[in-house]
Amino acid sequence: MVNPPMRRSLLLKVFVLTAALAGVTAVIYLGVRGFAGDPGRPGQPPTFFSQFVVAGGPIVWFILLPLSFIAVYFAAEHFLMIRRRELLPEGTADSIAGTIRQFGLGQLEARLAGRGDLVSVAAAKAVSGGRGDWFRIRNLLAESLQDQAAALLRRIEWLNLIGNVSPMVGLFGTVYGMIMLFNAIVLAGGQPQTIQLADGISVALVTTFWGLLIAIPAVGIHGVFRNRIEALVNDAVVAAEGIMPEIKRGLERQKLAEARRAEKTGERVQDFVGRSVEAIDEVLPSH
C-alpha cells in the first residue's frame, strides 16, 4: 500500500515532468519557427518570449530551461515532504509510548509499519534490531535518526547542485555568445551592422540571465530546507529521548514475562517428571 506522501510525490513528479516536456517542446518549436515576434521589424516591440527565450538559443532551450523545470519540481517535492506534519507530527512520542504500554515491544515494529516520520522509523528499527539489548537499542535509535537526516540532506543537495551548475552554464553561454559576436565582426570585415551583432549579444546576455535566475532561488531554497531539516532532526532527537524510558520499562516487562514463562515451563516439566515417577513406582511392585 502506497502511503499519502509517496502518492503525492509520484503525482507531482508526473505533473512536473509532463509540464516540462510540453514547455520545452513548445519553446523549441516557437524558437525554431520564429513565432514569438520579430524584434527587427520596425514599429513592433520585441516580446518577452522573444527576448528572454528565443534569443538565448539552444543553450537556453535544451539546458537552462529544463534545469528550471527540474529546480521547480525539486522545490515543490521537498515542500510537500520536508514538513513537520510529515516528518515529526505532534504527539508522535506519546503515541509510540502508548503503543509500547498497550502492546509491548514485540508488536511495536508491526504497529509502526505504516508510519514514515523520523521517530517512528527510528524506534521500529532500533527495537527490531536491538534484540532486547538496551544499549544496542539506544545506539540504533541514534544511528537511524542520523541516517534519515543524511538521506534528507542528500535529497535537497540536488537543488544546491543546480544552483551551482546553472551560473556555469550561463557563463558558458556568455563565452559562446562573445565568440559568435567576434565571428560576426570578422565576417563583416570589421564593420558589422547592428543587426549582425544582435545574435551574439543576445546569447551572451540571455544565458547569463537564465543562469542567475535559476541559481539564486535554487541556492536560497536549499538553505531554507537545510535549516528546516536540521531543526526537525534536533526535535526528533529530543522526542526519541522521551520514549527511551518507556522502551526500558518495556524491556523490563518483556524480560519479566519471559522469566515467568520459563518458570511455568519448569514447573510443568517438574510436575510431568513427578507424575511419571509415581506411575513407574505404581507399576514396578506389580512385577
C-alpha atoms as a PDB file:
ATOM      1  CA  MET A   1       0.000   0.000   0.000  1.00  0.00           C
ATOM      2  CA  VAL A   2       1.397   3.416  -1.029  1.00  0.00           C
ATOM      3  CA  ASN A   3       1.332   5.995   1.761  1.00  0.00           C
ATOM      4  CA  PRO A   4      -0.037   9.528   1.087  1.00  0.00           C
ATOM      5  CA  PRO A   5       3.348  11.348   0.941  1.00  0.00           C
ATOM      6  CA  MET A   6       4.690   8.900  -1.648  1.00  0.00           C
ATOM      7  CA  ARG A   7       1.472   9.165  -3.668  1.00  0.00           C
ATOM      8  CA  ARG A   8       1.639  12.964  -3.661  1.00  0.00           C
ATOM      9  CA  SER A   9       5.293  12.841  -4.673  1.00  0.00           C
ATOM     10  CA  LEU A  10       4.511  10.499  -7.564  1.00  0.00           C
ATOM     11  CA  LEU A  11       1.648  12.677  -8.809  1.00  0.00           C
ATOM     12  CA  LEU A  12       3.817  15.778  -8.520  1.00  0.00           C
ATOM     13  CA  LYS A  13       6.612  14.086 -10.440  1.00  0.00           C
ATOM     14  CA  VAL A  14       4.288  13.071 -13.272  1.00  0.00           C
ATOM     15  CA  PHE A  15       2.751  16.545 -13.438  1.00  0.00           C
ATOM     16  CA  VAL A  16       6.043  18.440 -13.449  1.00  0.00           C
ATOM     17  CA  LEU A  17       7.711  16.116 -15.950  1.00  0.00           C
ATOM     18  CA  THR A  18       4.713  16.398 -18.269  1.00  0.00           C
ATOM     19  CA  ALA A  19       4.705  20.179 -17.956  1.00  0.00           C
ATOM     20  CA  ALA A  20       8.467  20.293 -18.525  1.00  0.00           C
ATOM     21  CA  LEU A  21       8.222  18.161 -21.649  1.00  0.00           C
ATOM     22  CA  ALA A  22       5.364  20.250 -23.034  1.00  0.00           C
ATOM     23  CA  GLY A  23       7.106  23.516 -22.170  1.00  0.00           C
ATOM     24  CA  VAL A  24      10.457  22.582 -23.674  1.00  0.00           C
ATOM     25  CA  THR A  25       8.779  21.237 -26.812  1.00  0.00           C
ATOM     26  CA  ALA A  26       6.773  24.455 -27.214  1.00  0.00           C
ATOM     27  CA  VAL A  27       9.840  26.635 -26.674  1.00  0.00           C
ATOM     28  CA  ILE A  28      11.913  24.736 -29.204  1.00  0.00           C
ATOM     29  CA  TYR A  29       9.095  24.810 -31.747  1.00  0.00           C
ATOM     30  CA  LEU A  30       8.449  28.527 -31.324  1.00  0.00           C
ATOM     31  CA  GLY A  31      12.139  29.306 -31.263  1.00  0.00           C
ATOM     32  CA  VAL A  32      12.863  27.440 -34.470  1.00  0.00           C
ATOM     33  CA  ARG A  33       9.763  28.701 -36.286  1.00  0.00           C
ATOM     34  CA  GLY A  34      10.126  32.245 -35.029  1.00  0.00           C
ATOM     35  CA  PHE A  35       6.510  32.651 -33.925  1.00  0.00           C
ATOM     36  CA  ALA A  36       7.394  34.786 -30.911  1.00  0.00           C
ATOM     37  CA  GLY A  37       7.602  38.065 -32.791  1.00  0.00           C
ATOM     38  CA  ASP A  38      10.205  39.691 -34.950  1.00  0.00           C
ATOM     39  CA  PRO A  39      12.384  42.091 -32.950  1.00  0.00           C
ATOM     40  CA  GLY A  40      13.863  43.505 -36.149  1.00  0.00           C
ATOM     41  CA  ARG A  41      10.550  44.571 -37.677  1.00  0.00           C
ATOM     42  CA  PRO A  42      10.089  48.351 -37.450  1.00  0.00           C
ATOM     43  CA  GLY A  43       7.362  49.544 -35.153  1.00  0.00           C
ATOM     44  CA  GLN A  44       6.913  46.198 -33.412  1.00  0.00           C
ATOM     45  CA  PRO A  45       8.494  45.889 -29.951  1.00  0.00           C
ATOM     46  CA  PRO A  46      10.029  42.511 -29.130  1.00  0.00           C
ATOM     47  CA  THR A  47       8.039  40.260 -26.833  1.00  0.00           C
ATOM     48  CA  PHE A  48       9.335  38.922 -23.539  1.00  0.00           C
ATOM     49  CA  PHE A  49       9.386  35.443 -25.026  1.00  0.00           C
ATOM     50  CA  SER A  50      11.494  36.503 -27.978  1.00  0.00           C
ATOM     51  CA  GLN A  51      13.908  38.489 -25.823  1.00  0.00           C
ATOM     52  CA  PHE A  52      14.455  36.035 -22.969  1.00  0.00           C
ATOM     53  CA  VAL A  53      13.801  32.619 -24.511  1.00  0.00           C
ATOM     54  CA  VAL A  54      14.177  32.575 -28.269  1.00  0.00           C
ATOM     55  CA  ALA A  55      17.187  34.894 -28.269  1.00  0.00           C
ATOM     56  CA  GLY A  56      19.028  32.617 -25.833  1.00  0.00           C
ATOM     57  CA  GLY A  57      19.412  29.899 -28.421  1.00  0.00           C
ATOM     58  CA  PRO A  58      19.894  26.161 -27.853  1.00  0.00           C
ATOM     59  CA  ILE A  59      21.747  26.641 -24.557  1.00  0.00           C
ATOM     60  CA  VAL A  60      18.590  28.090 -23.038  1.00  0.00           C
ATOM     61  CA  TRP A  61      16.214  25.730 -24.829  1.00  0.00           C
ATOM     62  CA  PHE A  62      17.980  22.430 -24.127  1.00  0.00           C
ATOM     63  CA  ILE A  63      19.885  23.073 -20.863  1.00  0.00           C
ATOM     64  CA  LEU A  64      18.803  26.065 -18.803  1.00  0.00           C
ATOM     65  CA  LEU A  65      15.067  25.838 -19.371  1.00  0.00           C
ATOM     66  CA  PRO A  66      14.905  22.121 -18.437  1.00  0.00           C
ATOM     67  CA  LEU A  67      17.057  22.896 -15.380  1.00  0.00           C
ATOM     68  CA  SER A  68      14.496  25.489 -14.319  1.00  0.00           C
ATOM     69  CA  PHE A  69      11.699  22.900 -14.517  1.00  0.00           C
ATOM     70  CA  ILE A  70      13.790  20.401 -12.545  1.00  0.00           C
ATOM     71  CA  ALA A  71      14.511  23.008  -9.861  1.00  0.00           C
ATOM     72  CA  VAL A  72      10.798  23.809  -9.574  1.00  0.00           C
ATOM     73  CA  TYR A  73       9.988  20.108  -9.278  1.00  0.00           C
ATOM     74  CA  PHE A  74      12.525  19.502  -6.501  1.00  0.00           C
ATOM     75  CA  ALA A  75      11.396  22.619  -4.640  1.00  0.00           C
ATOM     76  CA  ALA A  76       7.732  21.539  -4.799  1.00  0.00           C
ATOM     77  CA  GLU A  77       8.508  17.936  -3.821  1.00  0.00           C
ATOM     78  CA  HIS A  78      10.629  18.955  -0.845  1.00  0.00           C
ATOM     79  CA  PHE A  79       7.999  21.471   0.236  1.00  0.00           C
ATOM     80  CA  LEU A  80       5.469  18.622   0.434  1.00  0.00           C
ATOM     81  CA  MET A  81       7.813  16.113   2.089  1.00  0.00           C
ATOM     82  CA  ILE A  82      10.018  18.168   4.417  1.00  0.00           C
ATOM     83  CA  ARG A  83       7.347  19.381   6.779  1.00  0.00           C
ATOM     84  CA  ARG A  84       6.791  18.920  10.467  1.00  0.00           C
ATOM     85  CA  ARG A  85       3.425  17.301   9.786  1.00  0.00           C
ATOM     86  CA  GLU A  86       5.144  14.627   7.685  1.00  0.00           C
ATOM     87  CA  LEU A  87       8.464  14.137   9.494  1.00  0.00           C
ATOM     88  CA  LEU A  88       7.564  14.900  13.114  1.00  0.00           C
ATOM     89  CA  PRO A  89       3.796  15.024  13.734  1.00  0.00           C
ATOM     90  CA  GLU A  90       2.608  16.413  17.024  1.00  0.00           C
ATOM     91  CA  GLY A  91       2.244  13.766  19.727  1.00  0.00           C
ATOM     92  CA  THR A  92       4.432  11.184  17.998  1.00  0.00           C
ATOM     93  CA  ALA A  93       6.447  10.345  21.117  1.00  0.00           C
ATOM     94  CA  ASP A  94       3.308   9.973  23.242  1.00  0.00           C
ATOM     95  CA  SER A  95       1.729   7.739  20.594  1.00  0.00           C
ATOM     96  CA  ILE A  96       4.775   5.450  20.469  1.00  0.00           C
ATOM     97  CA  ALA A  97       4.960   5.281  24.257  1.00  0.00           C
ATOM     98  CA  GLY A  98       1.261   4.382  24.419  1.00  0.00           C
ATOM     99  CA  THR A  99       1.767   1.654  21.816  1.00  0.00           C
ATOM    100  CA  ILE A 100       4.593   0.165  23.885  1.00  0.00           C
ATOM    101  CA  ARG A 101       2.489   0.200  27.052  1.00  0.00           C
ATOM    102  CA  GLN A 102      -0.527  -1.344  25.325  1.00  0.00           C
ATOM    103  CA  PHE A 103       1.051  -3.926  23.032  1.00  0.00           C
ATOM    104  CA  GLY A 104       4.626  -4.299  24.275  1.00  0.00           C
ATOM    105  CA  LEU A 105       7.889  -4.074  22.355  1.00  0.00           C
ATOM    106  CA  GLY A 106       7.222  -7.290  20.461  1.00  0.00           C
ATOM    107  CA  GLN A 107       4.477  -5.679  18.360  1.00  0.00           C
ATOM    108  CA  LEU A 108       5.992  -2.212  18.071  1.00  0.00           C
ATOM    109  CA  GLU A 109       7.536  -2.733  14.624  1.00  0.00           C
ATOM    110  CA  ALA A 110       4.268  -4.026  13.166  1.00  0.00           C
ATOM    111  CA  ARG A 111       2.258  -1.209  14.749  1.00  0.00           C
ATOM    112  CA  LEU A 112       4.628   1.447  13.338  1.00  0.00           C
ATOM    113  CA  ALA A 113       4.974  -0.122   9.887  1.00  0.00           C
ATOM    114  CA  GLY A 114       2.689   2.399   8.170  1.00  0.00           C
ATOM    115  CA  ARG A 115       4.363   5.482   9.622  1.00  0.00           C
ATOM    116  CA  GLY A 116       7.066   7.449   7.848  1.00  0.00           C
ATOM    117  CA  ASP A 117       8.028  10.065  10.426  1.00  0.00           C
ATOM    118  CA  LEU A 118      11.543  10.256  11.814  1.00  0.00           C
ATOM    119  CA  VAL A 119      10.900   8.964  15.342  1.00  0.00           C
ATOM    120  CA  SER A 120       8.610   6.088  14.329  1.00  0.00           C
ATOM    121  CA  VAL A 121      11.052   4.784  11.727  1.00  0.00           C
ATOM    122  CA  ALA A 122      13.946   5.059  14.181  1.00  0.00           C
ATOM    123  CA  ALA A 123      12.035   3.377  17.023  1.00  0.00           C
ATOM    124  CA  ALA A 124      10.876   0.466  14.854  1.00  0.00           C
ATOM    125  CA  LYS A 125      14.380  -0.101  13.502  1.00  0.00           C
ATOM    126  CA  ALA A 126      16.004   0.142  16.934  1.00  0.00           C
ATOM    127  CA  VAL A 127      13.597  -2.259  18.661  1.00  0.00           C
ATOM    128  CA  SER A 128      13.685  -4.814  15.838  1.00  0.00           C
ATOM    129  CA  GLY A 129      17.482  -4.759  15.577  1.00  0.00           C
ATOM    130  CA  GLY A 130      18.289  -4.333  19.270  1.00  0.00           C
ATOM    131  CA  ARG A 131      17.333  -7.910  20.194  1.00  0.00           C
ATOM    132  CA  GLY A 132      16.414  -6.894  23.722  1.00  0.00           C
ATOM    133  CA  ASP A 133      19.746  -5.145  24.457  1.00  0.00           C
ATOM    134  CA  TRP A 134      19.120  -1.695  25.984  1.00  0.00           C
ATOM    135  CA  PHE A 135      22.411  -0.150  24.914  1.00  0.00           C
ATOM    136  CA  ARG A 136      22.136  -1.569  21.409  1.00  0.00           C
ATOM    137  CA  ILE A 137      18.604  -0.178  21.050  1.00  0.00           C
ATOM    138  CA  ARG A 138      19.793   3.254  22.198  1.00  0.00           C
ATOM    139  CA  ASN A 139      22.650   3.264  19.689  1.00  0.00           C
ATOM    140  CA  LEU A 140      20.450   2.053  16.831  1.00  0.00           C
ATOM    141  CA  LEU A 141      17.911   4.773  17.587  1.00  0.00           C
ATOM    142  CA  ALA A 142      20.577   7.479  17.297  1.00  0.00           C
ATOM    143  CA  GLU A 143      22.076   5.902  14.165  1.00  0.00           C
ATOM    144  CA  SER A 144      18.687   5.701  12.474  1.00  0.00           C
ATOM    145  CA  LEU A 145      17.994   9.385  13.091  1.00  0.00           C
ATOM    146  CA  GLN A 146      21.426  10.258  11.702  1.00  0.00           C
ATOM    147  CA  ASP A 147      20.846   8.101   8.620  1.00  0.00           C
ATOM    148  CA  GLN A 148      17.466   9.681   7.960  1.00  0.00           C
ATOM    149  CA  ALA A 149      18.920  13.171   8.346  1.00  0.00           C
ATOM    150  CA  ALA A 150      21.723  12.317   5.928  1.00  0.00           C
ATOM    151  CA  ALA A 151      19.202  10.919   3.420  1.00  0.00           C
ATOM    152  CA  LEU A 152      17.129  14.111   3.582  1.00  0.00           C
ATOM    153  CA  LEU A 153      20.226  16.262   3.131  1.00  0.00           C
ATOM    154  CA  ARG A 154      21.234  14.192   0.104  1.00  0.00           C
ATOM    155  CA  ARG A 155      17.814  14.726  -1.433  1.00  0.00           C
ATOM    156  CA  ILE A 156      17.983  18.520  -1.187  1.00  0.00           C
ATOM    157  CA  GLU A 157      21.581  18.500  -2.441  1.00  0.00           C
ATOM    158  CA  TRP A 158      20.203  18.388  -5.996  1.00  0.00           C
ATOM    159  CA  LEU A 159      18.956  21.945  -5.521  1.00  0.00           C
ATOM    160  CA  ASN A 160      22.404  23.015  -4.403  1.00  0.00           C
ATOM    161  CA  LEU A 161      23.931  21.264  -7.426  1.00  0.00           C
ATOM    162  CA  ILE A 162      21.545  23.028  -9.815  1.00  0.00           C
ATOM    163  CA  GLY A 163      22.252  26.328  -8.094  1.00  0.00           C
ATOM    164  CA  ASN A 164      25.984  25.878  -8.626  1.00  0.00           C
ATOM    165  CA  VAL A 165      25.834  24.486 -12.161  1.00  0.00           C
ATOM    166  CA  SER A 166      23.386  26.996 -13.644  1.00  0.00           C
ATOM    167  CA  PRO A 167      25.712  30.044 -13.440  1.00  0.00           C
ATOM    168  CA  MET A 168      28.486  27.985 -15.012  1.00  0.00           C
ATOM    169  CA  VAL A 169      26.185  27.081 -17.906  1.00  0.00           C
ATOM    170  CA  GLY A 170      25.230  30.753 -18.181  1.00  0.00           C
ATOM    171  CA  LEU A 171      28.914  31.685 -18.276  1.00  0.00           C
ATOM    172  CA  PHE A 172      29.459  29.091 -20.986  1.00  0.00           C
ATOM    173  CA  GLY A 173      26.650  30.723 -22.971  1.00  0.00           C
ATOM    174  CA  THR A 174      28.261  34.119 -22.437  1.00  0.00           C
ATOM    175  CA  VAL A 175      31.564  32.906 -23.847  1.00  0.00           C
ATOM    176  CA  TYR A 176      29.744  31.234 -26.747  1.00  0.00           C
ATOM    177  CA  GLY A 177      27.858  34.449 -27.495  1.00  0.00           C
ATOM    178  CA  MET A 178      31.035  36.515 -27.460  1.00  0.00           C
ATOM    179  CA  ILE A 179      32.649  34.076 -29.875  1.00  0.00           C
ATOM    180  CA  MET A 180      29.637  34.475 -32.164  1.00  0.00           C
ATOM    181  CA  LEU A 181      29.955  38.259 -31.831  1.00  0.00           C
ATOM    182  CA  PHE A 182      33.608  38.361 -32.857  1.00  0.00           C
ATOM    183  CA  ASN A 183      32.948  35.967 -35.719  1.00  0.00           C
ATOM    184  CA  ALA A 184      30.255  38.339 -36.981  1.00  0.00           C
ATOM    185  CA  ILE A 185      32.742  41.205 -36.816  1.00  0.00           C
ATOM    186  CA  VAL A 186      35.310  39.213 -38.775  1.00  0.00           C
ATOM    187  CA  LEU A 187      32.813  38.132 -41.422  1.00  0.00           C
ATOM    188  CA  ALA A 188      31.659  41.747 -41.836  1.00  0.00           C
ATOM    189  CA  GLY A 189      35.234  42.931 -42.469  1.00  0.00           C
ATOM    190  CA  GLY A 190      35.423  44.864 -39.239  1.00  0.00           C
ATOM    191  CA  GLN A 191      32.352  46.996 -39.965  1.00  0.00           C
ATOM    192  CA  PRO A 192      29.319  44.894 -38.996  1.00  0.00           C
ATOM    193  CA  GLN A 193      25.767  46.159 -38.869  1.00  0.00           C
ATOM    194  CA  THR A 194      23.990  46.296 -35.535  1.00  0.00           C
ATOM    195  CA  ILE A 195      21.626  43.506 -36.545  1.00  0.00           C
ATOM    196  CA  GLN A 196      24.624  41.271 -37.222  1.00  0.00           C
ATOM    197  CA  LEU A 197      25.846  41.684 -33.640  1.00  0.00           C
ATOM    198  CA  ALA A 198      22.470  41.187 -32.003  1.00  0.00           C
ATOM    199  CA  ASP A 199      22.568  37.406 -32.169  1.00  0.00           C
ATOM    200  CA  GLY A 200      25.823  37.008 -30.249  1.00  0.00           C
ATOM    201  CA  ILE A 201      24.932  39.694 -27.715  1.00  0.00           C
ATOM    202  CA  SER A 202      21.533  38.103 -27.100  1.00  0.00           C
ATOM    203  CA  VAL A 203      23.046  34.668 -26.448  1.00  0.00           C
ATOM    204  CA  ALA A 204      25.704  36.134 -24.152  1.00  0.00           C
ATOM    205  CA  LEU A 205      23.263  38.137 -22.010  1.00  0.00           C
ATOM    206  CA  VAL A 206      20.214  35.866 -22.032  1.00  0.00           C
ATOM    207  CA  THR A 207      22.153  32.762 -20.967  1.00  0.00           C
ATOM    208  CA  THR A 208      23.698  34.707 -18.102  1.00  0.00           C
ATOM    209  CA  PHE A 209      20.225  35.953 -17.143  1.00  0.00           C
ATOM    210  CA  TRP A 210      18.788  32.416 -17.053  1.00  0.00           C
ATOM    211  CA  GLY A 211      21.775  31.036 -15.177  1.00  0.00           C
ATOM    212  CA  LEU A 212      21.341  33.602 -12.387  1.00  0.00           C
ATOM    213  CA  LEU A 213      17.545  33.324 -12.442  1.00  0.00           C
ATOM    214  CA  ILE A 214      17.807  29.600 -11.743  1.00  0.00           C
ATOM    215  CA  ALA A 215      20.759  29.698  -9.350  1.00  0.00           C
ATOM    216  CA  ILE A 216      19.586  32.368  -6.901  1.00  0.00           C
ATOM    217  CA  PRO A 217      16.261  30.730  -5.928  1.00  0.00           C
ATOM    218  CA  ALA A 218      17.763  27.215  -6.001  1.00  0.00           C
ATOM    219  CA  VAL A 219      20.554  28.081  -3.568  1.00  0.00           C
ATOM    220  CA  GLY A 220      18.182  30.054  -1.342  1.00  0.00           C
ATOM    221  CA  ILE A 221      15.587  27.268  -1.217  1.00  0.00           C
ATOM    222  CA  HIS A 222      18.336  24.724  -0.491  1.00  0.00           C
ATOM    223  CA  GLY A 223      19.414  26.792   2.512  1.00  0.00           C
ATOM    224  CA  VAL A 224      15.835  27.037   3.791  1.00  0.00           C
ATOM    225  CA  PHE A 225      15.290  23.279   3.533  1.00  0.00           C
ATOM    226  CA  ARG A 226      18.652  22.529   5.126  1.00  0.00           C
ATOM    227  CA  ASN A 227      17.792  24.654   8.148  1.00  0.00           C
ATOM    228  CA  ARG A 228      14.365  23.033   8.341  1.00  0.00           C
ATOM    229  CA  ILE A 229      15.840  19.525   8.273  1.00  0.00           C
ATOM    230  CA  GLU A 230      18.349  20.361  10.996  1.00  0.00           C
ATOM    231  CA  ALA A 231      15.598  21.817  13.201  1.00  0.00           C
ATOM    232  CA  LEU A 232      13.308  18.813  12.669  1.00  0.00           C
ATOM    233  CA  VAL A 233      16.074  16.293  13.347  1.00  0.00           C
ATOM    234  CA  ASN A 234      17.043  18.096  16.564  1.00  0.00           C
ATOM    235  CA  ASP A 235      13.416  17.997  17.712  1.00  0.00           C
ATOM    236  CA  ALA A 236      13.227  14.323  16.704  1.00  0.00           C
ATOM    237  CA  VAL A 237      16.248  13.555  18.891  1.00  0.00           C
ATOM    238  CA  VAL A 238      14.512  15.199  21.855  1.00  0.00           C
ATOM    239  CA  ALA A 239      11.321  13.236  21.129  1.00  0.00           C
ATOM    240  CA  ALA A 240      13.300   9.979  20.837  1.00  0.00           C
ATOM    241  CA  GLU A 241      14.930  10.623  24.192  1.00  0.00           C
ATOM    242  CA  GLY A 242      11.451  10.985  25.640  1.00  0.00           C
ATOM    243  CA  ILE A 243      10.424   7.461  24.635  1.00  0.00           C
ATOM    244  CA  MET A 244      13.606   5.789  25.870  1.00  0.00           C
ATOM    245  CA  PRO A 245      12.341   5.355  29.477  1.00  0.00           C
ATOM    246  CA  GLU A 246       9.215   3.645  28.140  1.00  0.00           C
ATOM    247  CA  ILE A 247      11.341   1.375  25.957  1.00  0.00           C
ATOM    248  CA  LYS A 248      13.428   0.493  29.006  1.00  0.00           C
ATOM    249  CA  ARG A 249      10.315  -0.342  31.004  1.00  0.00           C
ATOM    250  CA  GLY A 250       9.048  -2.375  28.069  1.00  0.00           C
ATOM    251  CA  LEU A 251      12.287  -4.371  28.077  1.00  0.00           C
ATOM    252  CA  GLU A 252      11.930  -4.995  31.809  1.00  0.00           C
ATOM    253  CA  ARG A 253       8.341  -6.178  31.364  1.00  0.00           C
ATOM    254  CA  GLN A 254       9.411  -8.368  28.465  1.00  0.00           C
ATOM    255  CA  LYS A 255      12.196  -9.985  30.493  1.00  0.00           C
ATOM    256  CA  LEU A 256       9.857 -10.475  33.444  1.00  0.00           C
ATOM    257  CA  ALA A 257       7.284 -12.142  31.201  1.00  0.00           C
ATOM    258  CA  GLU A 258       9.961 -14.408  29.731  1.00  0.00           C
ATOM    259  CA  ALA A 259      11.123 -15.339  33.242  1.00  0.00           C
ATOM    260  CA  ARG A 260       7.566 -16.173  34.250  1.00  0.00           C
ATOM    261  CA  ARG A 261       7.073 -18.290  31.170  1.00  0.00           C
ATOM    262  CA  ALA A 262      10.318 -20.100  31.876  1.00  0.00           C
ATOM    263  CA  GLU A 263       9.254 -20.638  35.481  1.00  0.00           C
ATOM    264  CA  LYS A 264       5.883 -22.031  34.422  1.00  0.00           C
ATOM    265  CA  THR A 265       7.592 -24.257  31.882  1.00  0.00           C
ATOM    266  CA  GLY A 266       9.945 -25.546  34.571  1.00  0.00           C
ATOM    267  CA  GLU A 267       7.021 -26.213  36.905  1.00  0.00           C
ATOM    268  CA  ARG A 268       5.217 -28.144  34.189  1.00  0.00           C
ATOM    269  CA  VAL A 269       8.338 -30.179  33.494  1.00  0.00           C
ATOM    270  CA  GLN A 270       8.792 -30.937  37.185  1.00  0.00           C
ATOM    271  CA  ASP A 271       5.125 -31.888  37.512  1.00  0.00           C
ATOM    272  CA  PHE A 272       5.393 -34.175  34.485  1.00  0.00           C
ATOM    273  CA  VAL A 273       8.528 -35.820  35.850  1.00  0.00           C
ATOM    274  CA  GLY A 274       6.869 -36.272  39.262  1.00  0.00           C
ATOM    275  CA  ARG A 275       3.808 -37.921  37.777  1.00  0.00           C
ATOM    276  CA  SER A 276       5.999 -40.132  35.632  1.00  0.00           C
ATOM    277  CA  VAL A 277       7.969 -41.296  38.659  1.00  0.00           C
ATOM    278  CA  GLU A 278       4.763 -42.017  40.566  1.00  0.00           C
ATOM    279  CA  ALA A 279       3.422 -44.016  37.681  1.00  0.00           C
ATOM    280  CA  ILE A 280       6.622 -46.029  37.476  1.00  0.00           C
ATOM    281  CA  ASP A 281       6.517 -46.684  41.241  1.00  0.00           C
ATOM    282  CA  GLU A 282       2.965 -47.950  40.934  1.00  0.00           C
ATOM    283  CA  VAL A 283       3.865 -50.273  38.088  1.00  0.00           C
ATOM    284  CA  LEU A 284       7.100 -51.767  39.472  1.00  0.00           C
ATOM    285  CA  PRO A 285       5.670 -53.531  42.611  1.00  0.00           C
ATOM    286  CA  SER A 286       3.184 -55.420  40.449  1.00  0.00           C
ATOM    287  CA  HIS A 287       6.137 -57.201  38.859  1.00  0.00           C
END
